[in-house]
Amino acid sequence: MTSTRTVHVVDDDDLLRAVAEQTLGPAGYQVIGHPTGEAFLEGLDAAAPGCVLLDIMMPGMSGLEVQAALNARDVAWPVVVLTARGGVRVAVEAMKNGAYEFLEKPYEPAALIATLDAAFDDFEAETEARAEVERAKALIGTLSARELQVMQGLLAGMPNKIIAYALGLSVRTVEIYRANVMDKLQARGLSTAVRLALAAGIEPLPDPE
């Protein structure tokens, strides 16, 4: 994530886009306006990741259709839906489809900023978590089949001699594999290796019968 928090305002109302920029700019947000859902989606591939402030009722693609397109592309940016008074039913539908929150127009500036602050905090935490999982999977992927089995034994809390028995290896061979595991995972200690294995979704070695 970059230090700048970008908000994509997708709304056909020129005034609302201007007000959003005046409200969010002094709060430290970079605001990018999009007059239609189609325009927003056309530039999506080159757009900076951020939060989407999405009007439900627009000519052309509706907010729900834009949201569906984002979901189809696996774009996990938080979406805050804007709806007119009485449009709660549609906003609830957007929430069911994964929207982070909805606000009724006219919204209070403080409420908008508080909502975006919370959305970005969650988004950045989730992004960091996904990056940790990908890093863990990449490191685990460097292990050989035997090294992975030894890691699974460590994950099960087995001492070297039990791992050796379970895999039909000598204790010395397990010690060598274990050292290789620690080196490849760039782990200073067993707890780091275990954390990486858990993040990568590795299952522990079954207890030997």
N, C-alpha and C. Protein backbone atom coordinates (compact mmCIF):
# COMPACT_ATOMS: atom_id res chain seq x y z
N MET A 1 0.84 -1.20 0.00
CA MET A 1 0.00 0.00 0.00
C MET A 1 0.88 1.25 0.00
N THR A 2 0.39 2.28 -0.73
CA THR A 2 1.10 3.55 -0.69
C THR A 2 0.61 4.33 0.51
N SER A 3 1.37 5.40 0.86
CA SER A 3 0.99 6.20 2.01
C SER A 3 -0.24 7.04 1.71
N THR A 4 -0.49 7.34 0.41
CA THR A 4 -1.65 8.13 0.03
C THR A 4 -2.87 7.24 -0.10
N ARG A 5 -3.96 7.66 0.51
CA ARG A 5 -5.21 6.92 0.42
C ARG A 5 -6.05 7.52 -0.69
N THR A 6 -6.33 6.71 -1.69
CA THR A 6 -7.04 7.17 -2.88
C THR A 6 -8.51 6.79 -2.78
N VAL A 7 -9.38 7.74 -3.07
CA VAL A 7 -10.82 7.51 -3.10
C VAL A 7 -11.31 7.76 -4.51
N HIS A 8 -11.93 6.74 -5.10
CA HIS A 8 -12.53 6.87 -6.42
C HIS A 8 -14.01 7.21 -6.24
N VAL A 9 -14.39 8.41 -6.63
CA VAL A 9 -15.78 8.86 -6.49
C VAL A 9 -16.48 8.61 -7.83
N VAL A 10 -17.37 7.63 -7.85
CA VAL A 10 -18.09 7.27 -9.08
C VAL A 10 -19.51 7.79 -8.95
N ASP A 11 -19.78 8.94 -9.60
CA ASP A 11 -21.08 9.59 -9.47
C ASP A 11 -21.29 10.50 -10.67
N ASP A 12 -22.48 10.48 -11.23
CA ASP A 12 -22.75 11.33 -12.38
C ASP A 12 -23.04 12.78 -11.99
N ASP A 13 -23.15 13.05 -10.69
CA ASP A 13 -23.44 14.40 -10.20
C ASP A 13 -22.12 15.17 -10.06
N ASP A 14 -21.92 16.15 -10.95
CA ASP A 14 -20.68 16.94 -10.93
C ASP A 14 -20.49 17.63 -9.59
N LEU A 15 -21.57 18.16 -9.04
CA LEU A 15 -21.48 18.88 -7.78
C LEU A 15 -21.06 17.95 -6.65
N LEU A 16 -21.65 16.76 -6.61
CA LEU A 16 -21.30 15.83 -5.55
C LEU A 16 -19.82 15.44 -5.63
N ARG A 17 -19.32 15.22 -6.85
CA ARG A 17 -17.90 14.88 -6.98
C ARG A 17 -17.03 16.02 -6.48
N ALA A 18 -17.43 17.25 -6.78
CA ALA A 18 -16.66 18.42 -6.33
C ALA A 18 -16.71 18.55 -4.81
N VAL A 19 -17.88 18.34 -4.24
CA VAL A 19 -18.02 18.41 -2.78
C VAL A 19 -17.19 17.33 -2.10
N ALA A 20 -17.20 16.14 -2.68
CA ALA A 20 -16.41 15.04 -2.11
C ALA A 20 -14.92 15.40 -2.09
N GLU A 21 -14.46 16.03 -3.18
CA GLU A 21 -13.05 16.42 -3.24
C GLU A 21 -12.75 17.51 -2.21
N GLN A 22 -13.65 18.47 -2.07
CA GLN A 22 -13.46 19.54 -1.09
C GLN A 22 -13.48 19.00 0.34
N THR A 23 -14.28 17.96 0.56
CA THR A 23 -14.39 17.38 1.90
C THR A 23 -13.20 16.49 2.23
N LEU A 24 -12.79 15.67 1.26
CA LEU A 24 -11.79 14.64 1.53
C LEU A 24 -10.36 15.11 1.31
N GLY A 25 -10.17 16.07 0.42
CA GLY A 25 -8.82 16.56 0.16
C GLY A 25 -8.13 17.07 1.41
N PRO A 26 -8.76 17.97 2.19
CA PRO A 26 -8.11 18.45 3.42
C PRO A 26 -7.91 17.37 4.47
N ALA A 27 -8.65 16.25 4.35
CA ALA A 27 -8.49 15.14 5.30
C ALA A 27 -7.36 14.20 4.89
N GLY A 28 -6.67 14.53 3.80
CA GLY A 28 -5.50 13.75 3.41
C GLY A 28 -5.75 12.71 2.33
N TYR A 29 -6.93 12.70 1.76
CA TYR A 29 -7.25 11.73 0.72
C TYR A 29 -6.97 12.31 -0.67
N GLN A 30 -6.55 11.43 -1.57
CA GLN A 30 -6.47 11.80 -2.98
C GLN A 30 -7.79 11.38 -3.61
N VAL A 31 -8.51 12.32 -4.19
CA VAL A 31 -9.84 12.05 -4.74
C VAL A 31 -9.76 12.06 -6.25
N ILE A 32 -10.26 10.98 -6.86
CA ILE A 32 -10.33 10.87 -8.32
C ILE A 32 -11.80 10.68 -8.70
N GLY A 33 -12.32 11.61 -9.49
CA GLY A 33 -13.72 11.56 -9.87
C GLY A 33 -13.95 10.81 -11.16
N HIS A 34 -15.06 10.10 -11.24
CA HIS A 34 -15.45 9.35 -12.43
C HIS A 34 -16.93 9.64 -12.69
N PRO A 35 -17.28 10.24 -13.82
CA PRO A 35 -18.66 10.66 -14.05
C PRO A 35 -19.62 9.51 -14.35
N THR A 36 -19.11 8.37 -14.74
CA THR A 36 -19.96 7.21 -15.01
C THR A 36 -19.26 5.94 -14.54
N GLY A 37 -20.06 4.90 -14.34
CA GLY A 37 -19.48 3.61 -13.99
C GLY A 37 -18.61 3.07 -15.11
N GLU A 38 -19.05 3.31 -16.36
CA GLU A 38 -18.28 2.82 -17.50
C GLU A 38 -16.89 3.46 -17.54
N ALA A 39 -16.82 4.77 -17.28
CA ALA A 39 -15.53 5.47 -17.30
C ALA A 39 -14.61 4.93 -16.21
N PHE A 40 -15.17 4.66 -15.05
CA PHE A 40 -14.38 4.12 -13.95
C PHE A 40 -13.82 2.75 -14.31
N LEU A 41 -14.65 1.89 -14.85
CA LEU A 41 -14.21 0.53 -15.18
C LEU A 41 -13.20 0.52 -16.33
N GLU A 42 -13.36 1.44 -17.27
CA GLU A 42 -12.42 1.49 -18.40
C GLU A 42 -11.00 1.79 -17.94
N GLY A 43 -10.86 2.61 -16.91
CA GLY A 43 -9.53 2.96 -16.42
C GLY A 43 -9.08 2.16 -15.22
N LEU A 44 -9.82 1.11 -14.91
CA LEU A 44 -9.57 0.38 -13.66
C LEU A 44 -8.19 -0.26 -13.61
N ASP A 45 -7.75 -0.83 -14.71
CA ASP A 45 -6.47 -1.56 -14.70
C ASP A 45 -5.30 -0.65 -14.33
N ALA A 46 -5.38 0.63 -14.71
CA ALA A 46 -4.28 1.56 -14.43
C ALA A 46 -4.53 2.40 -13.18
N ALA A 47 -5.67 2.16 -12.52
CA ALA A 47 -6.05 2.99 -11.37
C ALA A 47 -5.30 2.58 -10.11
N ALA A 48 -5.05 3.57 -9.26
CA ALA A 48 -4.43 3.29 -7.96
C ALA A 48 -5.44 2.58 -7.07
N PRO A 49 -5.04 1.54 -6.36
CA PRO A 49 -5.96 0.87 -5.44
C PRO A 49 -6.48 1.84 -4.40
N GLY A 50 -7.70 1.65 -3.99
CA GLY A 50 -8.27 2.53 -3.00
C GLY A 50 -9.69 2.16 -2.66
N CYS A 51 -10.40 3.11 -2.12
CA CYS A 51 -11.81 2.92 -1.76
C CYS A 51 -12.68 3.53 -2.85
N VAL A 52 -13.82 2.88 -3.10
CA VAL A 52 -14.73 3.35 -4.14
C VAL A 52 -15.97 3.93 -3.47
N LEU A 53 -16.21 5.22 -3.71
CA LEU A 53 -17.42 5.89 -3.24
C LEU A 53 -18.39 5.84 -4.41
N LEU A 54 -19.38 4.96 -4.32
CA LEU A 54 -20.16 4.55 -5.49
C LEU A 54 -21.63 4.94 -5.36
N ASP A 55 -22.09 5.79 -6.29
CA ASP A 55 -23.51 6.15 -6.32
C ASP A 55 -24.31 4.98 -6.89
N ILE A 56 -25.45 4.70 -6.28
CA ILE A 56 -26.27 3.58 -6.73
C ILE A 56 -27.02 3.91 -8.02
N MET A 57 -27.66 5.09 -8.06
CA MET A 57 -28.52 5.45 -9.19
C MET A 57 -27.75 6.35 -10.15
N MET A 58 -27.33 5.78 -11.29
CA MET A 58 -26.63 6.55 -12.31
C MET A 58 -27.17 6.16 -13.68
N PRO A 59 -27.13 7.07 -14.64
CA PRO A 59 -27.49 6.68 -16.02
C PRO A 59 -26.43 5.71 -16.54
N GLY A 60 -26.84 4.85 -17.46
CA GLY A 60 -25.91 3.83 -17.92
C GLY A 60 -25.82 2.73 -16.88
N MET A 61 -24.62 2.34 -16.53
CA MET A 61 -24.44 1.30 -15.52
C MET A 61 -24.85 1.81 -14.15
N SER A 62 -25.64 1.05 -13.45
CA SER A 62 -26.01 1.41 -12.08
C SER A 62 -24.87 1.06 -11.13
N GLY A 63 -24.98 1.54 -9.91
CA GLY A 63 -23.96 1.21 -8.92
C GLY A 63 -23.86 -0.28 -8.68
N LEU A 64 -25.01 -0.97 -8.64
CA LEU A 64 -24.99 -2.43 -8.44
C LEU A 64 -24.28 -3.14 -9.59
N GLU A 65 -24.46 -2.63 -10.81
CA GLU A 65 -23.80 -3.24 -11.96
C GLU A 65 -22.29 -2.99 -11.91
N VAL A 66 -21.89 -1.80 -11.47
CA VAL A 66 -20.46 -1.52 -11.31
C VAL A 66 -19.86 -2.44 -10.25
N GLN A 67 -20.58 -2.58 -9.15
CA GLN A 67 -20.11 -3.47 -8.09
C GLN A 67 -19.98 -4.90 -8.59
N ALA A 68 -20.95 -5.37 -9.36
CA ALA A 68 -20.89 -6.72 -9.91
C ALA A 68 -19.67 -6.88 -10.82
N ALA A 69 -19.35 -5.84 -11.59
CA ALA A 69 -18.18 -5.90 -12.47
C ALA A 69 -16.89 -5.96 -11.65
N LEU A 70 -16.83 -5.22 -10.55
CA LEU A 70 -15.66 -5.28 -9.68
C LEU A 70 -15.51 -6.68 -9.09
N ASN A 71 -16.62 -7.25 -8.66
CA ASN A 71 -16.56 -8.61 -8.09
C ASN A 71 -16.11 -9.62 -9.13
N ALA A 72 -16.59 -9.45 -10.37
CA ALA A 72 -16.22 -10.38 -11.44
C ALA A 72 -14.73 -10.31 -11.74
N ARG A 73 -14.12 -9.15 -11.52
CA ARG A 73 -12.68 -8.99 -11.76
C ARG A 73 -11.85 -9.29 -10.50
N ASP A 74 -12.51 -9.72 -9.45
CA ASP A 74 -11.83 -10.00 -8.17
C ASP A 74 -11.12 -8.76 -7.62
N VAL A 75 -11.72 -7.61 -7.81
CA VAL A 75 -11.18 -6.36 -7.24
C VAL A 75 -11.74 -6.22 -5.82
N ALA A 76 -10.87 -6.33 -4.84
CA ALA A 76 -11.30 -6.38 -3.44
C ALA A 76 -11.23 -5.03 -2.74
N TRP A 77 -11.34 -3.95 -3.50
CA TRP A 77 -11.32 -2.62 -2.89
C TRP A 77 -12.61 -2.40 -2.12
N PRO A 78 -12.54 -1.73 -0.99
CA PRO A 78 -13.78 -1.47 -0.24
C PRO A 78 -14.69 -0.51 -1.01
N VAL A 79 -15.96 -0.82 -1.01
CA VAL A 79 -16.96 -0.01 -1.70
C VAL A 79 -17.91 0.60 -0.67
N VAL A 80 -18.02 1.92 -0.70
CA VAL A 80 -18.99 2.62 0.13
C VAL A 80 -20.07 3.14 -0.81
N VAL A 81 -21.27 2.67 -0.60
CA VAL A 81 -22.39 2.98 -1.49
C VAL A 81 -23.10 4.26 -1.03
N LEU A 82 -23.42 5.12 -1.99
CA LEU A 82 -24.20 6.33 -1.73
C LEU A 82 -25.60 6.13 -2.28
N THR A 83 -26.59 6.37 -1.46
CA THR A 83 -27.97 6.19 -1.89
C THR A 83 -28.83 7.37 -1.45
N ALA A 84 -29.85 7.64 -2.24
CA ALA A 84 -30.79 8.70 -1.87
C ALA A 84 -31.68 8.22 -0.73
N ARG A 85 -32.31 9.15 -0.07
CA ARG A 85 -33.26 8.80 0.99
C ARG A 85 -34.28 7.80 0.45
N GLY A 86 -34.56 6.77 1.22
CA GLY A 86 -35.52 5.77 0.79
C GLY A 86 -34.93 4.69 -0.08
N GLY A 87 -33.63 4.76 -0.35
CA GLY A 87 -32.99 3.75 -1.19
C GLY A 87 -32.29 2.68 -0.40
N VAL A 88 -32.72 2.47 0.83
CA VAL A 88 -32.03 1.53 1.71
C VAL A 88 -32.10 0.11 1.19
N ARG A 89 -33.22 -0.26 0.55
CA ARG A 89 -33.36 -1.63 0.06
C ARG A 89 -32.24 -1.97 -0.93
N VAL A 90 -31.98 -1.05 -1.85
CA VAL A 90 -30.93 -1.28 -2.84
C VAL A 90 -29.56 -1.27 -2.17
N ALA A 91 -29.39 -0.39 -1.18
CA ALA A 91 -28.11 -0.33 -0.46
C ALA A 91 -27.85 -1.63 0.29
N VAL A 92 -28.90 -2.21 0.86
CA VAL A 92 -28.75 -3.49 1.55
C VAL A 92 -28.33 -4.57 0.56
N GLU A 93 -28.88 -4.52 -0.64
CA GLU A 93 -28.48 -5.47 -1.69
C GLU A 93 -27.00 -5.33 -1.99
N ALA A 94 -26.53 -4.09 -2.05
CA ALA A 94 -25.10 -3.85 -2.28
C ALA A 94 -24.26 -4.41 -1.13
N MET A 95 -24.76 -4.27 0.10
CA MET A 95 -24.04 -4.82 1.25
C MET A 95 -23.96 -6.34 1.16
N LYS A 96 -25.03 -6.97 0.73
CA LYS A 96 -25.02 -8.43 0.55
C LYS A 96 -24.00 -8.85 -0.49
N ASN A 97 -23.76 -7.98 -1.46
CA ASN A 97 -22.79 -8.27 -2.51
C ASN A 97 -21.37 -7.86 -2.15
N GLY A 98 -21.17 -7.42 -0.90
CA GLY A 98 -19.81 -7.16 -0.43
C GLY A 98 -19.45 -5.72 -0.18
N ALA A 99 -20.40 -4.80 -0.33
CA ALA A 99 -20.09 -3.40 -0.04
C ALA A 99 -19.70 -3.24 1.43
N TYR A 100 -18.78 -2.34 1.68
CA TYR A 100 -18.30 -2.14 3.04
C TYR A 100 -19.34 -1.43 3.91
N GLU A 101 -19.98 -0.42 3.34
CA GLU A 101 -20.93 0.40 4.09
C GLU A 101 -21.79 1.18 3.10
N PHE A 102 -22.88 1.73 3.57
CA PHE A 102 -23.64 2.64 2.73
C PHE A 102 -23.99 3.90 3.52
N LEU A 103 -24.09 5.01 2.78
CA LEU A 103 -24.44 6.29 3.37
C LEU A 103 -25.59 6.87 2.57
N GLU A 104 -26.53 7.48 3.27
CA GLU A 104 -27.65 8.14 2.60
C GLU A 104 -27.28 9.59 2.31
N LYS A 105 -27.63 10.04 1.12
CA LYS A 105 -27.46 11.46 0.76
C LYS A 105 -28.61 12.27 1.36
N PRO A 106 -28.35 13.50 1.81
CA PRO A 106 -27.01 14.10 1.94
C PRO A 106 -26.32 13.58 3.19
N TYR A 107 -25.07 13.19 3.04
CA TYR A 107 -24.32 12.64 4.17
C TYR A 107 -23.57 13.74 4.90
N GLU A 108 -23.29 13.48 6.15
CA GLU A 108 -22.47 14.40 6.93
C GLU A 108 -20.99 14.18 6.59
N PRO A 109 -20.22 15.23 6.33
CA PRO A 109 -18.80 15.07 6.01
C PRO A 109 -18.05 14.24 7.06
N ALA A 110 -18.35 14.47 8.34
CA ALA A 110 -17.66 13.72 9.39
C ALA A 110 -17.97 12.23 9.30
N ALA A 111 -19.21 11.90 8.94
CA ALA A 111 -19.59 10.50 8.81
C ALA A 111 -18.88 9.86 7.64
N LEU A 112 -18.74 10.60 6.53
CA LEU A 112 -18.03 10.08 5.37
C LEU A 112 -16.57 9.81 5.70
N ILE A 113 -15.92 10.75 6.34
CA ILE A 113 -14.50 10.60 6.68
C ILE A 113 -14.30 9.44 7.66
N ALA A 114 -15.18 9.33 8.64
CA ALA A 114 -15.06 8.23 9.61
C ALA A 114 -15.24 6.89 8.92
N THR A 115 -16.18 6.82 8.00
CA THR A 115 -16.42 5.57 7.27
C THR A 115 -15.22 5.19 6.41
N LEU A 116 -14.66 6.17 5.71
CA LEU A 116 -13.50 5.91 4.86
C LEU A 116 -12.28 5.55 5.69
N ASP A 117 -12.09 6.22 6.81
CA ASP A 117 -10.96 5.87 7.69
C ASP A 117 -11.04 4.40 8.10
N ALA A 118 -12.23 3.96 8.51
CA ALA A 118 -12.41 2.58 8.94
C ALA A 118 -12.22 1.61 7.77
N ALA A 119 -12.75 1.98 6.61
CA ALA A 119 -12.63 1.12 5.43
C ALA A 119 -11.17 0.94 5.03
N PHE A 120 -10.40 2.03 5.05
CA PHE A 120 -8.99 1.92 4.68
C PHE A 120 -8.19 1.15 5.72
N ASP A 121 -8.50 1.34 6.99
CA ASP A 121 -7.79 0.57 8.02
C ASP A 121 -7.98 -0.92 7.79
N ASP A 122 -9.21 -1.33 7.52
CA ASP A 122 -9.49 -2.75 7.28
C ASP A 122 -8.84 -3.22 5.98
N PHE A 123 -8.92 -2.41 4.94
CA PHE A 123 -8.36 -2.76 3.63
C PHE A 123 -6.85 -2.95 3.71
N GLU A 124 -6.18 -2.04 4.40
CA GLU A 124 -4.73 -2.14 4.51
C GLU A 124 -4.31 -3.34 5.35
N ALA A 125 -5.07 -3.62 6.40
CA ALA A 125 -4.77 -4.80 7.22
C ALA A 125 -4.95 -6.07 6.41
N GLU A 126 -6.02 -6.14 5.62
CA GLU A 126 -6.26 -7.32 4.79
C GLU A 126 -5.20 -7.46 3.71
N THR A 127 -4.77 -6.34 3.15
CA THR A 127 -3.73 -6.37 2.12
C THR A 127 -2.42 -6.89 2.69
N GLU A 128 -2.06 -6.43 3.88
CA GLU A 128 -0.84 -6.91 4.53
C GLU A 128 -0.94 -8.40 4.85
N ALA A 129 -2.13 -8.83 5.28
CA ALA A 129 -2.32 -10.25 5.60
C ALA A 129 -2.18 -11.11 4.34
N ARG A 130 -2.77 -10.65 3.23
CA ARG A 130 -2.65 -11.40 1.98
C ARG A 130 -1.20 -11.45 1.51
N ALA A 131 -0.48 -10.35 1.68
CA ALA A 131 0.92 -10.33 1.27
C ALA A 131 1.74 -11.30 2.11
N GLU A 132 1.43 -11.41 3.40
CA GLU A 132 2.13 -12.35 4.28
C GLU A 132 1.86 -13.78 3.86
N VAL A 133 0.62 -14.07 3.48
CA VAL A 133 0.27 -15.42 3.02
C VAL A 133 1.03 -15.76 1.74
N GLU A 134 1.07 -14.81 0.80
CA GLU A 134 1.77 -15.06 -0.46
C GLU A 134 3.26 -15.26 -0.22
N ARG A 135 3.84 -14.48 0.69
CA ARG A 135 5.26 -14.64 1.01
C ARG A 135 5.50 -16.01 1.63
N ALA A 136 4.62 -16.41 2.54
CA ALA A 136 4.77 -17.72 3.19
C ALA A 136 4.68 -18.84 2.17
N LYS A 137 3.71 -18.75 1.26
CA LYS A 137 3.56 -19.79 0.24
C LYS A 137 4.79 -19.86 -0.67
N ALA A 138 5.34 -18.68 -0.99
CA ALA A 138 6.52 -18.65 -1.85
C ALA A 138 7.71 -19.31 -1.16
N LEU A 139 7.90 -19.03 0.13
CA LEU A 139 9.02 -19.63 0.86
C LEU A 139 8.81 -21.14 1.04
N ILE A 140 7.60 -21.54 1.39
CA ILE A 140 7.32 -22.96 1.54
C ILE A 140 7.53 -23.69 0.21
N GLY A 141 7.23 -23.00 -0.88
CA GLY A 141 7.40 -23.61 -2.20
C GLY A 141 8.84 -23.90 -2.57
N THR A 142 9.79 -23.35 -1.83
CA THR A 142 11.20 -23.63 -2.11
C THR A 142 11.66 -24.95 -1.47
N LEU A 143 10.83 -25.53 -0.60
CA LEU A 143 11.22 -26.77 0.08
C LEU A 143 11.07 -27.97 -0.84
N SER A 144 11.99 -28.93 -0.70
CA SER A 144 11.83 -30.20 -1.40
C SER A 144 10.72 -31.00 -0.73
N ALA A 145 10.33 -32.10 -1.36
CA ALA A 145 9.26 -32.92 -0.80
C ALA A 145 9.62 -33.43 0.59
N ARG A 146 10.85 -33.88 0.77
CA ARG A 146 11.28 -34.37 2.08
C ARG A 146 11.37 -33.26 3.10
N GLU A 147 11.88 -32.11 2.68
CA GLU A 147 11.96 -30.97 3.59
C GLU A 147 10.56 -30.54 4.04
N LEU A 148 9.61 -30.61 3.12
CA LEU A 148 8.24 -30.26 3.48
C LEU A 148 7.68 -31.24 4.51
N GLN A 149 7.99 -32.53 4.33
CA GLN A 149 7.52 -33.52 5.30
C GLN A 149 8.12 -33.27 6.68
N VAL A 150 9.39 -32.91 6.71
CA VAL A 150 10.02 -32.59 7.99
C VAL A 150 9.36 -31.37 8.61
N MET A 151 9.05 -30.36 7.77
CA MET A 151 8.35 -29.17 8.27
C MET A 151 6.99 -29.56 8.82
N GLN A 152 6.31 -30.48 8.18
CA GLN A 152 5.02 -30.94 8.68
C GLN A 152 5.18 -31.65 10.03
N GLY A 153 6.28 -32.37 10.18
CA GLY A 153 6.55 -33.01 11.47
C GLY A 153 6.79 -31.98 12.56
N LEU A 154 7.53 -30.93 12.23
CA LEU A 154 7.76 -29.85 13.19
C LEU A 154 6.45 -29.16 13.54
N LEU A 155 5.60 -29.00 12.54
CA LEU A 155 4.30 -28.37 12.76
C LEU A 155 3.43 -29.21 13.69
N ALA A 156 3.63 -30.52 13.65
CA ALA A 156 2.90 -31.42 14.53
C ALA A 156 3.49 -31.48 15.93
N GLY A 157 4.61 -30.77 16.14
CA GLY A 157 5.25 -30.78 17.45
C GLY A 157 6.08 -32.01 17.72
N MET A 158 6.47 -32.73 16.67
CA MET A 158 7.24 -33.96 16.84
C MET A 158 8.72 -33.65 17.04
N PRO A 159 9.40 -34.35 17.95
CA PRO A 159 10.86 -34.25 18.02
C PRO A 159 11.49 -34.96 16.83
N ASN A 160 12.77 -34.71 16.62
CA ASN A 160 13.45 -35.24 15.44
C ASN A 160 13.34 -36.76 15.34
N LYS A 161 13.45 -37.45 16.46
CA LYS A 161 13.47 -38.92 16.40
C LYS A 161 12.10 -39.47 15.98
N ILE A 162 11.03 -38.78 16.35
CA ILE A 162 9.70 -39.23 15.94
C ILE A 162 9.47 -38.94 14.46
N ILE A 163 9.96 -37.78 14.00
CA ILE A 163 9.88 -37.46 12.57
C ILE A 163 10.65 -38.50 11.77
N ALA A 164 11.84 -38.84 12.27
CA ALA A 164 12.67 -39.85 11.59
C ALA A 164 11.93 -41.18 11.50
N TYR A 165 11.29 -41.59 12.59
CA TYR A 165 10.54 -42.85 12.60
C TYR A 165 9.37 -42.79 11.62
N ALA A 166 8.65 -41.67 11.62
CA ALA A 166 7.47 -41.54 10.77
C ALA A 166 7.83 -41.55 9.28
N LEU A 167 9.00 -41.00 8.95
CA LEU A 167 9.40 -40.90 7.55
C LEU A 167 10.37 -41.99 7.11
N GLY A 168 10.77 -42.84 8.04
CA GLY A 168 11.71 -43.91 7.70
C GLY A 168 13.11 -43.39 7.41
N LEU A 169 13.50 -42.35 8.13
CA LEU A 169 14.82 -41.74 7.93
C LEU A 169 15.64 -41.86 9.21
N SER A 170 16.93 -41.59 9.09
CA SER A 170 17.77 -41.53 10.28
C SER A 170 17.58 -40.17 10.95
N VAL A 171 17.87 -40.11 12.23
CA VAL A 171 17.75 -38.85 12.96
C VAL A 171 18.70 -37.81 12.35
N ARG A 172 19.88 -38.25 11.97
CA ARG A 172 20.85 -37.33 11.39
C ARG A 172 20.33 -36.72 10.09
N THR A 173 19.67 -37.55 9.28
CA THR A 173 19.12 -37.05 8.03
C THR A 173 18.01 -36.02 8.30
N VAL A 174 17.19 -36.29 9.29
CA VAL A 174 16.15 -35.33 9.66
C VAL A 174 16.77 -34.02 10.13
N GLU A 175 17.84 -34.10 10.88
CA GLU A 175 18.52 -32.90 11.35
C GLU A 175 19.02 -32.05 10.17
N ILE A 176 19.52 -32.74 9.14
CA ILE A 176 20.01 -32.03 7.95
C ILE A 176 18.85 -31.35 7.23
N TYR A 177 17.76 -32.12 7.06
CA TYR A 177 16.58 -31.54 6.41
C TYR A 177 16.04 -30.36 7.22
N ARG A 178 16.03 -30.52 8.53
CA ARG A 178 15.52 -29.46 9.39
C ARG A 178 16.35 -28.19 9.23
N ALA A 179 17.67 -28.34 9.17
CA ALA A 179 18.54 -27.18 8.97
C ALA A 179 18.26 -26.52 7.62
N ASN A 180 18.03 -27.36 6.61
CA ASN A 180 17.72 -26.82 5.28
C ASN A 180 16.40 -26.03 5.31
N VAL A 181 15.42 -26.58 6.04
CA VAL A 181 14.12 -25.91 6.16
C VAL A 181 14.29 -24.53 6.78
N MET A 182 15.02 -24.46 7.87
CA MET A 182 15.22 -23.19 8.56
C MET A 182 15.93 -22.18 7.66
N ASP A 183 16.89 -22.68 6.88
CA ASP A 183 17.65 -21.80 5.99
C ASP A 183 16.77 -21.29 4.86
N LYS A 184 16.00 -22.18 4.22
CA LYS A 184 15.18 -21.78 3.09
C LYS A 184 14.03 -20.87 3.50
N LEU A 185 13.52 -21.08 4.70
CA LEU A 185 12.43 -20.24 5.18
C LEU A 185 12.93 -18.95 5.81
N GLN A 186 14.24 -18.78 5.84
CA GLN A 186 14.85 -17.58 6.44
C GLN A 186 14.34 -17.38 7.86
N ALA A 187 14.25 -18.50 8.58
CA ALA A 187 13.67 -18.49 9.93
C ALA A 187 14.78 -18.47 10.98
N ARG A 188 14.69 -17.53 11.89
CA ARG A 188 15.66 -17.45 12.98
C ARG A 188 15.39 -18.50 14.06
N GLY A 189 14.16 -18.95 14.13
CA GLY A 189 13.79 -19.93 15.14
C GLY A 189 12.62 -20.75 14.67
N LEU A 190 12.30 -21.80 15.43
CA LEU A 190 11.23 -22.70 15.05
C LEU A 190 9.89 -21.99 14.99
N SER A 191 9.66 -21.02 15.89
CA SER A 191 8.38 -20.33 15.90
C SER A 191 8.12 -19.60 14.58
N THR A 192 9.18 -19.04 13.99
CA THR A 192 9.03 -18.35 12.71
C THR A 192 8.66 -19.33 11.62
N ALA A 193 9.32 -20.49 11.60
CA ALA A 193 9.01 -21.52 10.60
C ALA A 193 7.58 -22.01 10.75
N VAL A 194 7.15 -22.22 11.99
CA VAL A 194 5.78 -22.68 12.24
C VAL A 194 4.77 -21.64 11.77
N ARG A 195 5.04 -20.37 12.06
CA ARG A 195 4.13 -19.31 11.65
C ARG A 195 3.99 -19.26 10.13
N LEU A 196 5.09 -19.42 9.41
CA LEU A 196 5.05 -19.41 7.96
C LEU A 196 4.27 -20.61 7.43
N ALA A 197 4.50 -21.77 8.03
CA ALA A 197 3.79 -22.97 7.58
C ALA A 197 2.29 -22.83 7.80
N LEU A 198 1.91 -22.28 8.94
CA LEU A 198 0.49 -22.08 9.22
C LEU A 198 -0.12 -21.08 8.25
N ALA A 199 0.61 -19.99 7.96
CA ALA A 199 0.12 -18.98 7.03
C ALA A 199 -0.06 -19.54 5.63
N ALA A 200 0.80 -20.50 5.27
CA ALA A 200 0.74 -21.11 3.94
C ALA A 200 -0.29 -22.23 3.88
N GLY A 201 -0.93 -22.55 5.00
CA GLY A 201 -1.96 -23.57 5.02
C GLY A 201 -1.42 -24.99 5.03
N ILE A 202 -0.21 -25.18 5.54
CA ILE A 202 0.38 -26.52 5.60
C ILE A 202 -0.25 -27.33 6.73
N GLU A 203 -0.56 -28.59 6.45
CA GLU A 203 -1.12 -29.48 7.46
C GLU A 203 0.00 -30.20 8.20
N PRO A 204 -0.17 -30.47 9.49
CA PRO A 204 0.85 -31.21 10.24
C PRO A 204 0.95 -32.66 9.79
N LEU A 205 2.10 -33.25 10.02
CA LEU A 205 2.32 -34.66 9.70
C LEU A 205 1.50 -35.53 10.64
N PRO A 206 0.77 -36.53 10.11
CA PRO A 206 0.00 -37.40 11.01
C PRO A 206 0.92 -38.17 11.95
N ASP A 207 0.41 -38.45 13.14
CA ASP A 207 1.18 -39.23 14.11
C ASP A 207 1.45 -40.63 13.55
N PRO A 208 2.67 -41.12 13.68
CA PRO A 208 2.96 -42.47 13.20
C PRO A 208 2.23 -43.51 14.06
N GLU A 209 1.75 -44.54 13.41
CA GLU A 209 1.04 -45.58 14.15
C GLU A 209 2.02 -46.51 14.84
